[in-house]
């Protein structure tokens, strides 16, 4: 099964955790000082919010997979999309260890495809996504200043 990933930058993490916990009918599966994440089965989504180092609003979207075979399938789709792809590989982002690649749609909306392999005690580092992003808004998780996503430290 693949899971949609949505990451939103928020101003007040506590208020947002309360709101989304009520909306989803469940508490977050991960809560940190600057980050919270819900793994929801219905609808199947990895939904994250973060504060302090992101801009408000949608940071990026993504597709989270369960195994290396699904990751290879999604990576092949990214390459077939005829857009620049950044293959980040193994990384630490949003308190998780993952393998990931990045792409942006023709309007600059940034997407990641990733496989999470474990937890991390640190938020993570960022990469320069300017090669895939056509916007220059500050923001996001695991992305650099000057791209649609900015430095975190992200998923």
C-alpha atoms as a PDB file:
ATOM      1  CA  UNK A   1       0.000   0.000   0.000  1.00  0.00           C
ATOM      2  CA  UNK A   2       1.180   3.490  -0.781  1.00  0.00           C
ATOM      3  CA  UNK A   3       0.231   6.386   1.480  1.00  0.00           C
ATOM      4  CA  UNK A   4      -0.260  10.051   0.576  1.00  0.00           C
ATOM      5  CA  UNK A   5       2.015  12.382   2.552  1.00  0.00           C
ATOM      6  CA  UNK A   6       1.083  15.994   3.322  1.00  0.00           C
ATOM      7  CA  UNK A   7       3.333  18.363   5.304  1.00  0.00           C
ATOM      8  CA  UNK A   8       1.942  21.717   6.448  1.00  0.00           C
ATOM      9  CA  UNK A   9       3.833  24.571   8.108  1.00  0.00           C
ATOM     10  CA  UNK A  10       1.876  26.056  11.016  1.00  0.00           C
ATOM     11  CA  UNK A  11       2.213  29.084  13.264  1.00  0.00           C
ATOM     12  CA  UNK A  12       0.986  27.517  16.537  1.00  0.00           C
ATOM     13  CA  UNK A  13       1.803  23.814  16.823  1.00  0.00           C
ATOM     14  CA  UNK A  14      -0.346  23.171  19.914  1.00  0.00           C
ATOM     15  CA  UNK A  15      -3.436  24.712  18.331  1.00  0.00           C
ATOM     16  CA  UNK A  16      -2.831  22.785  15.125  1.00  0.00           C
ATOM     17  CA  UNK A  17      -2.333  19.489  16.987  1.00  0.00           C
ATOM     18  CA  UNK A  18      -5.637  20.056  18.772  1.00  0.00           C
ATOM     19  CA  UNK A  19      -7.424  20.941  15.521  1.00  0.00           C
ATOM     20  CA  UNK A  20      -6.076  18.028  13.472  1.00  0.00           C
ATOM     21  CA  UNK A  21      -6.515  15.533  16.330  1.00  0.00           C
ATOM     22  CA  UNK A  22     -10.169  16.536  16.441  1.00  0.00           C
ATOM     23  CA  UNK A  23     -10.521  16.458  12.651  1.00  0.00           C
ATOM     24  CA  UNK A  24      -8.895  13.025  12.321  1.00  0.00           C
ATOM     25  CA  UNK A  25     -10.417  11.585  15.507  1.00  0.00           C
ATOM     26  CA  UNK A  26      -7.003  10.477  16.771  1.00  0.00           C
ATOM     27  CA  UNK A  27      -3.915  11.793  18.485  1.00  0.00           C
ATOM     28  CA  UNK A  28      -0.594  12.157  16.602  1.00  0.00           C
ATOM     29  CA  UNK A  29       1.701   9.141  16.374  1.00  0.00           C
ATOM     30  CA  UNK A  30       4.740  11.436  16.778  1.00  0.00           C
ATOM     31  CA  UNK A  31       4.889  14.671  18.787  1.00  0.00           C
ATOM     32  CA  UNK A  32       8.020  16.808  19.173  1.00  0.00           C
ATOM     33  CA  UNK A  33       8.516  20.412  20.247  1.00  0.00           C
ATOM     34  CA  UNK A  34       8.319  21.596  16.632  1.00  0.00           C
ATOM     35  CA  UNK A  35       6.616  18.722  14.821  1.00  0.00           C
ATOM     36  CA  UNK A  36       3.665  16.325  14.916  1.00  0.00           C
ATOM     37  CA  UNK A  37       2.660  13.482  12.607  1.00  0.00           C
ATOM     38  CA  UNK A  38      -0.451  11.360  12.210  1.00  0.00           C
ATOM     39  CA  UNK A  39      -0.380   8.014  10.376  1.00  0.00           C
ATOM     40  CA  UNK A  40      -4.022   7.614   9.427  1.00  0.00           C
ATOM     41  CA  UNK A  41      -5.581   4.527   7.862  1.00  0.00           C
ATOM     42  CA  UNK A  42      -8.862   6.057   6.680  1.00  0.00           C
ATOM     43  CA  UNK A  43      -8.040   7.964   4.572  1.00  0.00           C
ATOM     44  CA  UNK A  44      -4.573   6.476   4.166  1.00  0.00           C
ATOM     45  CA  UNK A  45      -2.313   9.454   4.791  1.00  0.00           C
ATOM     46  CA  UNK A  46       0.924  10.460   6.539  1.00  0.00           C
ATOM     47  CA  UNK A  47      -0.033  13.970   7.679  1.00  0.00           C
ATOM     48  CA  UNK A  48       2.592  16.186   9.341  1.00  0.00           C
ATOM     49  CA  UNK A  49       2.728  19.717  10.739  1.00  0.00           C
ATOM     50  CA  UNK A  50       5.785  21.654  11.865  1.00  0.00           C
ATOM     51  CA  UNK A  51       6.523  25.091  13.277  1.00  0.00           C
ATOM     52  CA  UNK A  52       9.432  27.433  13.743  1.00  0.00           C
ATOM     53  CA  UNK A  53      11.426  26.618  10.631  1.00  0.00           C
ATOM     54  CA  UNK A  54       8.751  26.463   7.973  1.00  0.00           C
ATOM     55  CA  UNK A  55       6.391  28.823   6.250  1.00  0.00           C
ATOM     56  CA  UNK A  56       2.671  28.505   6.861  1.00  0.00           C
ATOM     57  CA  UNK A  57       0.669  26.407   4.442  1.00  0.00           C
ATOM     58  CA  UNK A  58       1.412  23.329   2.406  1.00  0.00           C
ATOM     59  CA  UNK A  59       5.136  22.598   2.462  1.00  0.00           C
ATOM     60  CA  UNK A  60       5.123  19.653   0.100  1.00  0.00           C
ATOM     61  CA  UNK A  61       3.215  16.531  -0.850  1.00  0.00           C
ATOM     62  CA  UNK A  62       4.549  13.023  -1.112  1.00  0.00           C
ATOM     63  CA  UNK A  63       4.053   9.341  -1.649  1.00  0.00           C
ATOM     64  CA  UNK A  64       5.206   7.072   1.171  1.00  0.00           C
ATOM     65  CA  UNK A  65       5.783   3.435   0.244  1.00  0.00           C
ATOM     66  CA  UNK A  66       6.100   0.276   2.336  1.00  0.00           C
ATOM     67  CA  UNK A  67       9.027  -1.491   0.664  1.00  0.00           C
ATOM     68  CA  UNK A  68      11.918  -1.155  -1.778  1.00  0.00           C
ATOM     69  CA  UNK A  69       9.901  -2.645  -4.671  1.00  0.00           C
ATOM     70  CA  UNK A  70       7.211   0.033  -4.331  1.00  0.00           C
ATOM     71  CA  UNK A  71       9.910   2.702  -4.045  1.00  0.00           C
ATOM     72  CA  UNK A  72      11.492   1.521  -7.307  1.00  0.00           C
ATOM     73  CA  UNK A  73       8.036   1.662  -8.958  1.00  0.00           C
ATOM     74  CA  UNK A  74       7.402   5.237  -7.807  1.00  0.00           C
ATOM     75  CA  UNK A  75      10.966   6.317  -8.687  1.00  0.00           C
ATOM     76  CA  UNK A  76      10.384   5.011 -12.234  1.00  0.00           C
ATOM     77  CA  UNK A  77       7.246   7.161 -12.452  1.00  0.00           C
ATOM     78  CA  UNK A  78       9.184  10.223 -11.292  1.00  0.00           C
ATOM     79  CA  UNK A  79      11.786   9.673 -13.992  1.00  0.00           C
ATOM     80  CA  UNK A  80       9.049   9.196 -16.619  1.00  0.00           C
ATOM     81  CA  UNK A  81       7.388  12.495 -15.643  1.00  0.00           C
ATOM     82  CA  UNK A  82       9.889  14.433 -17.782  1.00  0.00           C
ATOM     83  CA  UNK A  83      10.853  16.821 -14.960  1.00  0.00           C
ATOM     84  CA  UNK A  84      14.138  17.200 -13.039  1.00  0.00           C
ATOM     85  CA  UNK A  85      14.460  14.685 -10.189  1.00  0.00           C
ATOM     86  CA  UNK A  86      16.733  14.946  -7.174  1.00  0.00           C
ATOM     87  CA  UNK A  87      17.650  11.518  -5.859  1.00  0.00           C
ATOM     88  CA  UNK A  88      18.488  12.303  -2.252  1.00  0.00           C
ATOM     89  CA  UNK A  89      19.015   8.688  -1.206  1.00  0.00           C
ATOM     90  CA  UNK A  90      19.389   7.852   2.490  1.00  0.00           C
ATOM     91  CA  UNK A  91      18.630  10.812   4.756  1.00  0.00           C
ATOM     92  CA  UNK A  92      17.307  11.867   8.130  1.00  0.00           C
ATOM     93  CA  UNK A  93      14.277  14.100   7.999  1.00  0.00           C
ATOM     94  CA  UNK A  94      11.322  14.877  10.281  1.00  0.00           C
ATOM     95  CA  UNK A  95      12.623  12.625  13.045  1.00  0.00           C
ATOM     96  CA  UNK A  96      12.802   9.666  10.635  1.00  0.00           C
ATOM     97  CA  UNK A  97      15.410   7.842   8.567  1.00  0.00           C
ATOM     98  CA  UNK A  98      14.326   7.506   4.947  1.00  0.00           C
ATOM     99  CA  UNK A  99      15.388   7.033   1.364  1.00  0.00           C
ATOM    100  CA  UNK A 100      13.822   9.646  -0.890  1.00  0.00           C
ATOM    101  CA  UNK A 101      13.725  11.501  -4.168  1.00  0.00           C
ATOM    102  CA  UNK A 102      12.144  14.860  -5.036  1.00  0.00           C
ATOM    103  CA  UNK A 103      10.340  16.312  -8.057  1.00  0.00           C
ATOM    104  CA  UNK A 104       8.167  19.375  -8.706  1.00  0.00           C
ATOM    105  CA  UNK A 105       5.109  19.595 -10.913  1.00  0.00           C
ATOM    106  CA  UNK A 106       5.109  22.123 -13.795  1.00  0.00           C
ATOM    107  CA  UNK A 107       3.826  24.837 -11.415  1.00  0.00           C
ATOM    108  CA  UNK A 108       6.496  24.255  -8.767  1.00  0.00           C
ATOM    109  CA  UNK A 109       4.541  22.103  -6.269  1.00  0.00           C
ATOM    110  CA  UNK A 110       7.207  19.912  -4.693  1.00  0.00           C
ATOM    111  CA  UNK A 111       6.629  16.170  -4.224  1.00  0.00           C
ATOM    112  CA  UNK A 112       8.747  13.568  -2.515  1.00  0.00           C
ATOM    113  CA  UNK A 113       8.707   9.794  -2.840  1.00  0.00           C
ATOM    114  CA  UNK A 114      10.114   7.982   0.178  1.00  0.00           C
ATOM    115  CA  UNK A 115      10.552   4.789   2.173  1.00  0.00           C
ATOM    116  CA  UNK A 116      10.958   5.239   5.932  1.00  0.00           C
ATOM    117  CA  UNK A 117      13.340   2.804   7.629  1.00  0.00           C
ATOM    118  CA  UNK A 118      13.288   3.997  11.240  1.00  0.00           C
ATOM    119  CA  UNK A 119      13.032   6.786  13.764  1.00  0.00           C
ATOM    120  CA  UNK A 120      15.589   9.487  14.517  1.00  0.00           C
ATOM    121  CA  UNK A 121      16.206  11.637  17.586  1.00  0.00           C
ATOM    122  CA  UNK A 122      16.930  14.693  15.394  1.00  0.00           C
ATOM    123  CA  UNK A 123      14.717  16.534  12.926  1.00  0.00           C
ATOM    124  CA  UNK A 124      17.197  16.211  10.073  1.00  0.00           C
ATOM    125  CA  UNK A 125      19.005  18.199   7.421  1.00  0.00           C
ATOM    126  CA  UNK A 126      18.027  19.769   4.149  1.00  0.00           C
ATOM    127  CA  UNK A 127      19.119  19.567   0.553  1.00  0.00           C
ATOM    128  CA  UNK A 128      18.999  22.106  -2.242  1.00  0.00           C
ATOM    129  CA  UNK A 129      15.780  21.505  -4.170  1.00  0.00           C
ATOM    130  CA  UNK A 130      16.177  24.517  -6.435  1.00  0.00           C
ATOM    131  CA  UNK A 131      16.836  22.170  -9.362  1.00  0.00           C
ATOM    132  CA  UNK A 132      13.250  20.865  -9.125  1.00  0.00           C
ATOM    133  CA  UNK A 133      11.374  23.847  -7.731  1.00  0.00           C
ATOM    134  CA  UNK A 134      10.300  26.755  -9.871  1.00  0.00           C
ATOM    135  CA  UNK A 135       9.280  28.929  -6.931  1.00  0.00           C
ATOM    136  CA  UNK A 136      11.354  30.848  -4.429  1.00  0.00           C
ATOM    137  CA  UNK A 137       9.023  30.949  -1.427  1.00  0.00           C
ATOM    138  CA  UNK A 138      10.737  30.268   1.879  1.00  0.00           C
ATOM    139  CA  UNK A 139       9.632  27.302   3.873  1.00  0.00           C
ATOM    140  CA  UNK A 140       9.833  23.692   4.344  1.00  0.00           C
ATOM    141  CA  UNK A 141      11.091  20.626   5.745  1.00  0.00           C
ATOM    142  CA  UNK A 142      14.293  19.192   4.456  1.00  0.00           C
ATOM    143  CA  UNK A 143      14.565  21.734   1.721  1.00  0.00           C
ATOM    144  CA  UNK A 144      16.772  24.767   1.348  1.00  0.00           C
ATOM    145  CA  UNK A 145      16.100  28.440   1.679  1.00  0.00           C
ATOM    146  CA  UNK A 146      15.218  29.753  -1.734  1.00  0.00           C
ATOM    147  CA  UNK A 147      13.224  26.711  -2.800  1.00  0.00           C
ATOM    148  CA  UNK A 148       9.560  25.958  -2.319  1.00  0.00           C
ATOM    149  CA  UNK A 149      10.760  24.080   0.733  1.00  0.00           C
ATOM    150  CA  UNK A 150      13.399  25.286   3.119  1.00  0.00           C
ATOM    151  CA  UNK A 151      15.731  24.022   5.661  1.00  0.00           C
ATOM    152  CA  UNK A 152      14.837  21.912   8.575  1.00  0.00           C
ATOM    153  CA  UNK A 153      15.236  20.690   8.785  1.00  0.00           C
ATOM    154  CA  UNK A 154      11.322  17.203   6.657  1.00  0.00           C
ATOM    155  CA  UNK A 155       8.489  13.484   6.240  1.00  0.00           C
END
